[in-house]
Amino acid sequence: MQPHNSVSIVKEIHWDEYIALLRNVPLAGDPEIFPYRNATVTSKVVRVKDVFPISLYLLQSHLNTQKTLYDVFQRDYDIDTMDLDGGRPEVIFRTSWEKGTWRLSPPIVEVSEADGGKPVLLDGEHRFMMARQLKKDIRVIWIENVPAQYPVVAKPVRWEDVKIYPAVPGLKEKRVYRFSKLSDFPDVSSFSSKKITETSYHYFFYRDLRGICSSGIREAGSS
């Protein structure tokens, strides 16, 4: 018999607190830059096909986890993880199958001026794929009016291009990075004193979302 999976909610994060955390999200390449400090942020229900992924990969283990959370939160709390209420966008919780506390918040979509105003998915791709499979719409955090000097780290791709892996693939299989080589990287000296190197330029503009949802940049080979 399979063990009975359960979750326990430790804390509910309400809208004002969540927005304060979001506005303090820094860039990975320069933690003193906050791209969302003056952005427009709303809660919005969208169709999967209207949002573009920027990740070329998904992890099978994370898809399995999201399916479990979807089932357990609905069963125990009547919470739909694909429609987290705008007034209470985030919950901090524990599970019966993993140690530590975890965050559950809506996927994050940013309107990318560098891509002609396309809405791109920054975080929550596993739930988006689940919504796609279930033919459901999904509630997201929708971010607009981000300064153009902070472009999204990668270019949008099609959902048909996204592949499922058992572990994080290599750099070239992860994303279509906006700047393919260091010589293409723009001059950021007007707003950052950080030195851009061969090891830092890919992720300089990466939004460090660890304070609100994501576990950060995934290293190749991790699951």
C-alpha atoms as a PDB file:
ATOM      1  CA  MET A   1       0.000   0.000   0.000  1.00  0.00           C
ATOM      2  CA  GLN A   2       1.293   3.476  -0.882  1.00  0.00           C
ATOM      3  CA  PRO A   3       1.866   5.824   2.094  1.00  0.00           C
ATOM      4  CA  HIS A   4      -0.731   8.538   2.614  1.00  0.00           C
ATOM      5  CA  ASN A   5       0.792  11.789   1.325  1.00  0.00           C
ATOM      6  CA  SER A   6      -0.141  14.892   3.277  1.00  0.00           C
ATOM      7  CA  VAL A   7       0.829  18.544   3.551  1.00  0.00           C
ATOM      8  CA  SER A   8       0.568  20.965   6.451  1.00  0.00           C
ATOM      9  CA  ILE A   9       0.369  24.709   5.880  1.00  0.00           C
ATOM     10  CA  VAL A  10       2.837  26.639   8.025  1.00  0.00           C
ATOM     11  CA  LYS A  11       1.954  30.157   6.880  1.00  0.00           C
ATOM     12  CA  GLU A  12      -0.181  31.957   4.334  1.00  0.00           C
ATOM     13  CA  ILE A  13       1.442  34.915   2.559  1.00  0.00           C
ATOM     14  CA  HIS A  14      -1.090  37.575   1.671  1.00  0.00           C
ATOM     15  CA  TRP A  15      -0.946  39.923  -1.280  1.00  0.00           C
ATOM     16  CA  ASP A  16       0.757  42.957   0.261  1.00  0.00           C
ATOM     17  CA  GLU A  17       3.499  40.872   1.854  1.00  0.00           C
ATOM     18  CA  TYR A  18       4.008  38.885  -1.338  1.00  0.00           C
ATOM     19  CA  ILE A  19       4.313  42.050  -3.443  1.00  0.00           C
ATOM     20  CA  ALA A  20       6.862  43.464  -1.007  1.00  0.00           C
ATOM     21  CA  LEU A  21       8.940  40.297  -1.419  1.00  0.00           C
ATOM     22  CA  LEU A  22       8.585  40.414  -5.209  1.00  0.00           C
ATOM     23  CA  ARG A  23       9.747  44.022  -5.395  1.00  0.00           C
ATOM     24  CA  ASN A  24      12.934  42.999  -3.595  1.00  0.00           C
ATOM     25  CA  VAL A  25      13.827  40.265  -6.093  1.00  0.00           C
ATOM     26  CA  PRO A  26      17.371  41.072  -7.323  1.00  0.00           C
ATOM     27  CA  LEU A  27      19.244  40.203 -10.481  1.00  0.00           C
ATOM     28  CA  ALA A  28      21.551  37.217 -10.099  1.00  0.00           C
ATOM     29  CA  GLY A  29      24.397  39.178 -11.638  1.00  0.00           C
ATOM     30  CA  ASP A  30      24.051  42.201  -9.366  1.00  0.00           C
ATOM     31  CA  PRO A  31      22.084  41.806  -6.100  1.00  0.00           C
ATOM     32  CA  GLU A  32      21.791  45.590  -5.796  1.00  0.00           C
ATOM     33  CA  ILE A  33      19.507  45.791  -8.854  1.00  0.00           C
ATOM     34  CA  PHE A  34      15.781  45.150  -8.346  1.00  0.00           C
ATOM     35  CA  PRO A  35      14.012  44.900 -11.728  1.00  0.00           C
ATOM     36  CA  TYR A  36      10.499  44.790 -10.229  1.00  0.00           C
ATOM     37  CA  ARG A  37      10.864  47.692  -7.805  1.00  0.00           C
ATOM     38  CA  ASN A  38       8.508  49.906  -9.860  1.00  0.00           C
ATOM     39  CA  ALA A  39       6.861  47.322 -12.116  1.00  0.00           C
ATOM     40  CA  THR A  40       3.101  46.793 -12.485  1.00  0.00           C
ATOM     41  CA  VAL A  41       2.111  43.525 -10.778  1.00  0.00           C
ATOM     42  CA  THR A  42      -1.308  41.854 -10.946  1.00  0.00           C
ATOM     43  CA  SER A  43      -2.958  38.464 -10.442  1.00  0.00           C
ATOM     44  CA  LYS A  44      -4.362  37.134 -13.704  1.00  0.00           C
ATOM     45  CA  VAL A  45      -5.836  33.935 -15.168  1.00  0.00           C
ATOM     46  CA  VAL A  46      -4.296  33.032 -18.536  1.00  0.00           C
ATOM     47  CA  ARG A  47      -4.441  30.334 -21.179  1.00  0.00           C
ATOM     48  CA  VAL A  48      -1.293  28.212 -21.395  1.00  0.00           C
ATOM     49  CA  LYS A  49      -0.985  28.784 -25.137  1.00  0.00           C
ATOM     50  CA  ASP A  50      -0.855  32.567 -24.627  1.00  0.00           C
ATOM     51  CA  VAL A  51       2.348  32.403 -22.533  1.00  0.00           C
ATOM     52  CA  PHE A  52       5.775  31.496 -23.909  1.00  0.00           C
ATOM     53  CA  PRO A  53       8.220  29.294 -21.983  1.00  0.00           C
ATOM     54  CA  ILE A  54      11.884  30.275 -21.780  1.00  0.00           C
ATOM     55  CA  SER A  55      13.027  26.899 -20.476  1.00  0.00           C
ATOM     56  CA  LEU A  56      13.668  24.112 -22.976  1.00  0.00           C
ATOM     57  CA  TYR A  57      13.489  21.421 -20.323  1.00  0.00           C
ATOM     58  CA  LEU A  58      11.309  20.052 -17.541  1.00  0.00           C
ATOM     59  CA  LEU A  59      12.248  17.520 -14.881  1.00  0.00           C
ATOM     60  CA  GLN A  60      10.127  14.397 -14.573  1.00  0.00           C
ATOM     61  CA  SER A  61      10.537  14.368 -10.794  1.00  0.00           C
ATOM     62  CA  HIS A  62       9.199  17.927 -10.543  1.00  0.00           C
ATOM     63  CA  LEU A  63       6.232  17.079 -12.745  1.00  0.00           C
ATOM     64  CA  ASN A  64       5.461  14.168 -10.415  1.00  0.00           C
ATOM     65  CA  THR A  65       5.737  16.432  -7.369  1.00  0.00           C
ATOM     66  CA  GLN A  66       3.428  19.055  -8.840  1.00  0.00           C
ATOM     67  CA  LYS A  67       0.823  16.382  -9.636  1.00  0.00           C
ATOM     68  CA  THR A  68       1.012  15.126  -6.040  1.00  0.00           C
ATOM     69  CA  LEU A  69       0.685  18.649  -4.630  1.00  0.00           C
ATOM     70  CA  TYR A  70      -2.253  19.352  -6.940  1.00  0.00           C
ATOM     71  CA  ASP A  71      -4.077  16.266  -5.650  1.00  0.00           C
ATOM     72  CA  VAL A  72      -3.196  16.661  -1.967  1.00  0.00           C
ATOM     73  CA  PHE A  73      -3.934  20.391  -1.670  1.00  0.00           C
ATOM     74  CA  GLN A  74      -7.322  19.881  -3.302  1.00  0.00           C
ATOM     75  CA  ARG A  75      -8.141  16.877  -1.108  1.00  0.00           C
ATOM     76  CA  ASP A  76      -7.024  18.363   2.231  1.00  0.00           C
ATOM     77  CA  TYR A  77      -7.544  22.122   1.825  1.00  0.00           C
ATOM     78  CA  ASP A  78      -9.762  22.618  -1.241  1.00  0.00           C
ATOM     79  CA  ILE A  79      -6.891  24.641  -2.746  1.00  0.00           C
ATOM     80  CA  ASP A  80      -6.331  24.487  -6.494  1.00  0.00           C
ATOM     81  CA  THR A  81      -2.581  24.900  -7.036  1.00  0.00           C
ATOM     82  CA  MET A  82      -3.293  26.205 -10.526  1.00  0.00           C
ATOM     83  CA  ASP A  83      -5.632  28.904  -9.236  1.00  0.00           C
ATOM     84  CA  LEU A  84      -4.003  30.331  -6.116  1.00  0.00           C
ATOM     85  CA  ASP A  85      -6.216  33.187  -5.001  1.00  0.00           C
ATOM     86  CA  GLY A  86      -4.946  36.696  -5.711  1.00  0.00           C
ATOM     87  CA  GLY A  87      -5.560  37.734  -2.099  1.00  0.00           C
ATOM     88  CA  ARG A  88      -3.432  34.867  -0.752  1.00  0.00           C
ATOM     89  CA  PRO A  89      -0.967  34.097  -3.517  1.00  0.00           C
ATOM     90  CA  GLU A  90       1.479  32.013  -1.518  1.00  0.00           C
ATOM     91  CA  VAL A  91       1.537  29.328   1.146  1.00  0.00           C
ATOM     92  CA  ILE A  92       4.524  27.960   3.036  1.00  0.00           C
ATOM     93  CA  PHE A  93       4.078  24.270   3.816  1.00  0.00           C
ATOM     94  CA  ARG A  94       5.623  20.988   4.897  1.00  0.00           C
ATOM     95  CA  THR A  95       5.093  17.596   3.309  1.00  0.00           C
ATOM     96  CA  SER A  96       5.003  14.082   4.720  1.00  0.00           C
ATOM     97  CA  TRP A  97       7.560  12.893   2.163  1.00  0.00           C
ATOM     98  CA  GLU A  98      10.306  15.554   2.266  1.00  0.00           C
ATOM     99  CA  LYS A  99      12.090  17.458   4.987  1.00  0.00           C
ATOM    100  CA  GLY A 100      12.030  21.240   5.311  1.00  0.00           C
ATOM    101  CA  THR A 101       9.500  23.896   4.376  1.00  0.00           C
ATOM    102  CA  TRP A 102       8.442  24.719   0.835  1.00  0.00           C
ATOM    103  CA  ARG A 103       6.782  27.617  -0.948  1.00  0.00           C
ATOM    104  CA  LEU A 104       3.853  27.413  -3.298  1.00  0.00           C
ATOM    105  CA  SER A 105       2.956  30.528  -5.263  1.00  0.00           C
ATOM    106  CA  PRO A 106       1.515  31.204  -8.719  1.00  0.00           C
ATOM    107  CA  PRO A 107       3.758  30.927 -11.768  1.00  0.00           C
ATOM    108  CA  ILE A 108       5.451  34.197 -12.678  1.00  0.00           C
ATOM    109  CA  VAL A 109       4.942  35.741 -16.109  1.00  0.00           C
ATOM    110  CA  GLU A 110       6.784  38.845 -17.302  1.00  0.00           C
ATOM    111  CA  VAL A 111       5.852  40.875 -20.343  1.00  0.00           C
ATOM    112  CA  SER A 112       9.178  40.992 -22.184  1.00  0.00           C
ATOM    113  CA  GLU A 113       9.813  44.244 -24.016  1.00  0.00           C
ATOM    114  CA  ALA A 114      12.937  42.704 -25.584  1.00  0.00           C
ATOM    115  CA  ASP A 115      10.651  40.172 -27.277  1.00  0.00           C
ATOM    116  CA  GLY A 116       8.057  42.576 -28.624  1.00  0.00           C
ATOM    117  CA  GLY A 117       5.826  42.458 -25.555  1.00  0.00           C
ATOM    118  CA  LYS A 118       5.462  38.670 -25.420  1.00  0.00           C
ATOM    119  CA  PRO A 119       4.464  37.283 -22.013  1.00  0.00           C
ATOM    120  CA  VAL A 120       7.200  34.843 -20.957  1.00  0.00           C
ATOM    121  CA  LEU A 121       7.173  32.293 -18.163  1.00  0.00           C
ATOM    122  CA  LEU A 122       9.917  32.867 -15.604  1.00  0.00           C
ATOM    123  CA  ASP A 123       8.861  30.326 -12.997  1.00  0.00           C
ATOM    124  CA  GLY A 124       6.230  27.593 -12.745  1.00  0.00           C
ATOM    125  CA  GLU A 125       6.824  25.706 -15.980  1.00  0.00           C
ATOM    126  CA  HIS A 126       5.970  22.323 -14.439  1.00  0.00           C
ATOM    127  CA  ARG A 127       2.524  23.529 -13.368  1.00  0.00           C
ATOM    128  CA  PHE A 128       2.047  25.111 -16.782  1.00  0.00           C
ATOM    129  CA  MET A 129       2.779  21.787 -18.427  1.00  0.00           C
ATOM    130  CA  MET A 130       0.326  20.086 -16.084  1.00  0.00           C
ATOM    131  CA  ALA A 131      -2.309  22.724 -16.939  1.00  0.00           C
ATOM    132  CA  ARG A 132      -1.568  22.143 -20.628  1.00  0.00           C
ATOM    133  CA  GLN A 133      -2.100  18.404 -20.215  1.00  0.00           C
ATOM    134  CA  LEU A 134      -5.338  18.953 -18.271  1.00  0.00           C
ATOM    135  CA  LYS A 135      -6.506  21.656 -20.713  1.00  0.00           C
ATOM    136  CA  LYS A 136      -6.948  24.120 -17.840  1.00  0.00           C
ATOM    137  CA  ASP A 137      -6.332  27.840 -17.567  1.00  0.00           C
ATOM    138  CA  ILE A 138      -3.936  28.916 -14.828  1.00  0.00           C
ATOM    139  CA  ARG A 139      -3.586  31.883 -12.475  1.00  0.00           C
ATOM    140  CA  VAL A 140      -0.256  33.714 -12.613  1.00  0.00           C
ATOM    141  CA  ILE A 141       1.561  36.703 -11.224  1.00  0.00           C
ATOM    142  CA  TRP A 142       1.599  39.048 -14.236  1.00  0.00           C
ATOM    143  CA  ILE A 143       4.435  41.603 -14.359  1.00  0.00           C
ATOM    144  CA  GLU A 144       4.595  44.549 -16.748  1.00  0.00           C
ATOM    145  CA  ASN A 145       6.609  47.749 -17.190  1.00  0.00           C
ATOM    146  CA  VAL A 146       9.997  46.295 -16.274  1.00  0.00           C
ATOM    147  CA  PRO A 147      12.820  48.626 -17.383  1.00  0.00           C
ATOM    148  CA  ALA A 148      14.043  47.597 -20.847  1.00  0.00           C
ATOM    149  CA  GLN A 149      17.660  47.691 -19.669  1.00  0.00           C
ATOM    150  CA  TYR A 150      16.954  44.487 -17.688  1.00  0.00           C
ATOM    151  CA  PRO A 151      15.928  42.004 -20.429  1.00  0.00           C
ATOM    152  CA  VAL A 152      14.756  38.499 -19.601  1.00  0.00           C
ATOM    153  CA  VAL A 153      17.716  36.118 -19.496  1.00  0.00           C
ATOM    154  CA  ALA A 154      16.538  33.879 -22.371  1.00  0.00           C
ATOM    155  CA  LYS A 155      14.413  34.107 -25.489  1.00  0.00           C
ATOM    156  CA  PRO A 156      10.898  32.624 -25.641  1.00  0.00           C
ATOM    157  CA  VAL A 157      10.411  29.226 -27.249  1.00  0.00           C
ATOM    158  CA  ARG A 158       7.395  27.075 -28.187  1.00  0.00           C
ATOM    159  CA  TRP A 159       5.798  24.586 -25.816  1.00  0.00           C
ATOM    160  CA  GLU A 160       6.450  21.964 -28.493  1.00  0.00           C
ATOM    161  CA  ASP A 161      10.195  22.598 -28.049  1.00  0.00           C
ATOM    162  CA  VAL A 162      10.162  21.760 -24.321  1.00  0.00           C
ATOM    163  CA  LYS A 163      11.521  18.300 -23.437  1.00  0.00           C
ATOM    164  CA  ILE A 164      11.287  16.257 -20.248  1.00  0.00           C
ATOM    165  CA  TYR A 165      14.531  15.021 -18.642  1.00  0.00           C
ATOM    166  CA  PRO A 166      15.409  12.861 -15.617  1.00  0.00           C
ATOM    167  CA  ALA A 167      18.083  15.393 -14.569  1.00  0.00           C
ATOM    168  CA  VAL A 168      19.070  18.951 -15.465  1.00  0.00           C
ATOM    169  CA  PRO A 169      20.668  18.926 -18.946  1.00  0.00           C
ATOM    170  CA  GLY A 170      23.696  20.886 -20.110  1.00  0.00           C
ATOM    171  CA  LEU A 171      23.683  24.624 -20.759  1.00  0.00           C
ATOM    172  CA  LYS A 172      22.820  24.413 -24.454  1.00  0.00           C
ATOM    173  CA  GLU A 173      19.773  22.235 -23.766  1.00  0.00           C
ATOM    174  CA  LYS A 174      18.432  24.484 -21.005  1.00  0.00           C
ATOM    175  CA  ARG A 175      17.531  27.735 -22.788  1.00  0.00           C
ATOM    176  CA  VAL A 176      18.067  29.891 -25.844  1.00  0.00           C
ATOM    177  CA  TYR A 177      20.145  32.461 -24.029  1.00  0.00           C
ATOM    178  CA  ARG A 178      19.614  36.042 -25.114  1.00  0.00           C
ATOM    179  CA  PHE A 179      23.342  36.655 -25.459  1.00  0.00           C
ATOM    180  CA  SER A 180      25.071  33.664 -27.002  1.00  0.00           C
ATOM    181  CA  LYS A 181      28.588  34.907 -26.333  1.00  0.00           C
ATOM    182  CA  LEU A 182      30.281  37.434 -24.086  1.00  0.00           C
ATOM    183  CA  SER A 183      30.994  39.840 -26.951  1.00  0.00           C
ATOM    184  CA  ASP A 184      27.219  40.158 -27.537  1.00  0.00           C
ATOM    185  CA  PHE A 185      26.529  41.203 -23.977  1.00  0.00           C
ATOM    186  CA  PRO A 186      25.476  44.868 -23.613  1.00  0.00           C
ATOM    187  CA  ASP A 187      27.360  47.538 -21.731  1.00  0.00           C
ATOM    188  CA  VAL A 188      25.831  47.666 -18.239  1.00  0.00           C
ATOM    189  CA  SER A 189      28.294  50.128 -16.740  1.00  0.00           C
ATOM    190  CA  SER A 190      25.642  52.867 -16.538  1.00  0.00           C
ATOM    191  CA  PHE A 191      23.750  50.926 -13.847  1.00  0.00           C
ATOM    192  CA  SER A 192      26.103  48.223 -12.541  1.00  0.00           C
ATOM    193  CA  SER A 193      29.715  48.129 -11.388  1.00  0.00           C
ATOM    194  CA  LYS A 194      29.924  44.333 -11.687  1.00  0.00           C
ATOM    195  CA  LYS A 195      32.521  42.879 -14.022  1.00  0.00           C
ATOM    196  CA  ILE A 196      30.943  40.660 -16.685  1.00  0.00           C
ATOM    197  CA  THR A 197      32.881  37.443 -17.309  1.00  0.00           C
ATOM    198  CA  GLU A 198      32.644  34.274 -19.380  1.00  0.00           C
ATOM    199  CA  THR A 199      31.081  32.520 -16.383  1.00  0.00           C
ATOM    200  CA  SER A 200      28.628  35.268 -15.382  1.00  0.00           C
ATOM    201  CA  TYR A 201      27.160  36.773 -18.530  1.00  0.00           C
ATOM    202  CA  HIS A 202      24.613  34.011 -19.256  1.00  0.00           C
ATOM    203  CA  TYR A 203      22.836  34.577 -15.953  1.00  0.00           C
ATOM    204  CA  PHE A 204      23.505  38.254 -15.212  1.00  0.00           C
ATOM    205  CA  PHE A 205      19.854  39.191 -15.930  1.00  0.00           C
ATOM    206  CA  TYR A 206      18.414  36.095 -14.238  1.00  0.00           C
ATOM    207  CA  ARG A 207      15.715  37.089 -11.738  1.00  0.00           C
ATOM    208  CA  ASP A 208      16.742  35.555  -8.402  1.00  0.00           C
ATOM    209  CA  LEU A 209      13.323  34.335  -7.251  1.00  0.00           C
ATOM    210  CA  ARG A 210      14.519  32.206  -4.346  1.00  0.00           C
ATOM    211  CA  GLY A 211      12.952  34.587  -1.834  1.00  0.00           C
ATOM    212  CA  ILE A 212       9.455  33.912  -3.127  1.00  0.00           C
ATOM    213  CA  CYS A 213       9.288  30.643  -5.062  1.00  0.00           C
ATOM    214  CA  SER A 214      12.075  29.204  -7.187  1.00  0.00           C
ATOM    215  CA  SER A 215      15.047  27.221  -5.930  1.00  0.00           C
ATOM    216  CA  GLY A 216      17.280  29.282  -8.197  1.00  0.00           C
ATOM    217  CA  ILE A 217      19.581  28.319 -11.039  1.00  0.00           C
ATOM    218  CA  ARG A 218      19.632  24.523 -11.421  1.00  0.00           C
ATOM    219  CA  GLU A 219      23.012  22.926 -11.919  1.00  0.00           C
ATOM    220  CA  ALA A 220      23.466  20.373 -14.713  1.00  0.00           C
ATOM    221  CA  GLY A 221      22.952  16.818 -13.490  1.00  0.00           C
ATOM    222  CA  SER A 222      20.723  17.709 -10.541  1.00  0.00           C
ATOM    223  CA  SER A 223      17.203  16.311 -10.330  1.00  0.00           C
END
